[in-house]
Amino acid sequence: MGFLIDTCIWIDVEQGHLAPGEIFGGLAAAIKGTGRKHRYRVQDLWLASQAIQHGYQLLTRNRRDFVDIPGLDLAVM
C-alpha cells in the first residue's frame, strides 16, 4: 500500500505521465454536480486524482479539503 502525502510541494508521482487527467475531470464534475465549487480546488483535485489512480491513500492534515471527494481513500494525521 502506498501513500500520497498532501504537501505544498509538487511531487512527481507519475514521472511524466498525465493519465490522471481523466480522473481529475470526473472528480471536478462530481464536485460541481453537488453544487460545491471546484474551480478553486485544482491542487486538491489533482492530488486526489493521483492517489485514486494509483490506489494510494492520501495523507493530509486538512480533512475538510478532501472529505467530499468521491472515491478517495483519505488518511488524516
Protein backbone atom coordinates (compact mmCIF):
# COMPACT_ATOMS: atom_id res chain seq x y z
CA MET A 1 0.00 0.00 0.00
CA GLY A 2 1.28 3.46 -0.83
CA PHE A 3 0.57 6.92 0.50
CA LEU A 4 0.38 10.17 -1.39
CA ILE A 5 1.21 12.97 1.02
CA ASP A 6 -0.62 16.31 0.80
CA THR A 7 2.14 18.91 0.76
CA CYS A 8 2.67 22.32 -0.74
CA ILE A 9 5.47 20.87 -2.87
CA TRP A 10 4.90 19.26 -6.27
CA ILE A 11 5.77 15.59 -6.12
CA ASP A 12 6.12 13.88 -9.49
CA VAL A 13 4.28 10.68 -8.70
CA GLU A 14 3.59 9.89 -12.34
CA GLN A 15 7.09 10.54 -13.65
CA GLY A 16 5.85 12.39 -16.71
CA HIS A 17 2.62 10.54 -17.45
CA LEU A 18 -0.57 12.61 -17.37
CA ALA A 19 -3.15 9.80 -17.23
CA PRO A 20 -4.91 11.07 -14.08
CA GLY A 21 -6.39 13.89 -16.17
CA GLU A 22 -9.42 11.73 -16.87
CA ILE A 23 -9.89 11.06 -13.17
CA PHE A 24 -9.37 14.76 -12.42
CA GLY A 25 -12.14 15.73 -14.85
CA GLY A 26 -14.51 13.22 -13.32
CA LEU A 27 -13.80 14.49 -9.81
CA ALA A 28 -14.31 18.12 -10.87
CA ALA A 29 -17.62 17.21 -12.50
CA ALA A 30 -18.75 15.28 -9.42
CA ILE A 31 -17.92 18.20 -7.10
CA LYS A 32 -19.64 20.69 -9.42
CA GLY A 33 -22.66 18.39 -9.71
CA THR A 34 -23.26 18.62 -5.97
CA GLY A 35 -23.31 22.42 -6.10
CA ARG A 36 -19.92 22.89 -4.45
CA LYS A 37 -17.18 24.96 -6.03
CA HIS A 38 -14.42 23.08 -7.80
CA ARG A 39 -12.53 25.87 -9.57
CA TYR A 40 -10.50 26.93 -6.55
CA ARG A 41 -9.64 23.34 -5.61
CA VAL A 42 -7.48 22.41 -8.57
CA GLN A 43 -4.48 21.29 -6.50
CA ASP A 44 -6.67 19.28 -4.13
CA LEU A 45 -8.41 17.54 -7.02
CA TRP A 46 -5.12 16.87 -8.81
CA LEU A 47 -3.59 15.25 -5.71
CA ALA A 48 -6.77 13.22 -5.18
CA SER A 49 -6.79 12.03 -8.80
CA GLN A 50 -3.17 10.86 -8.46
CA ALA A 51 -3.99 8.93 -5.28
CA ILE A 52 -7.11 7.35 -6.79
CA GLN A 53 -5.31 6.33 -9.99
CA HIS A 54 -2.55 4.53 -8.10
CA GLY A 55 -4.75 3.10 -5.34
CA TYR A 56 -2.96 5.11 -2.65
CA GLN A 57 -4.31 6.73 0.46
CA LEU A 58 -3.95 10.50 0.60
CA LEU A 59 -2.28 11.52 3.85
CA THR A 60 -3.23 15.03 4.94
CA ARG A 61 -3.81 17.30 7.89
CA ASN A 62 -6.63 19.08 6.05
CA ARG A 63 -9.57 16.68 6.25
CA ARG A 64 -12.11 19.28 5.15
CA ASP A 65 -10.25 19.90 1.88
CA PHE A 66 -10.61 16.29 0.78
CA VAL A 67 -13.52 14.67 2.64
CA ASP A 68 -16.06 15.38 -0.13
CA ILE A 69 -14.01 13.90 -2.97
CA PRO A 70 -15.65 10.67 -4.17
CA GLY A 71 -13.51 7.53 -4.32
CA LEU A 72 -10.64 8.98 -2.31
CA ASP A 73 -9.13 6.86 0.45
CA LEU A 74 -8.24 9.54 2.98
CA ALA A 75 -5.83 9.25 5.93
CA VAL A 76 -5.83 12.21 8.32
CA MET A 77 -2.95 12.99 10.69
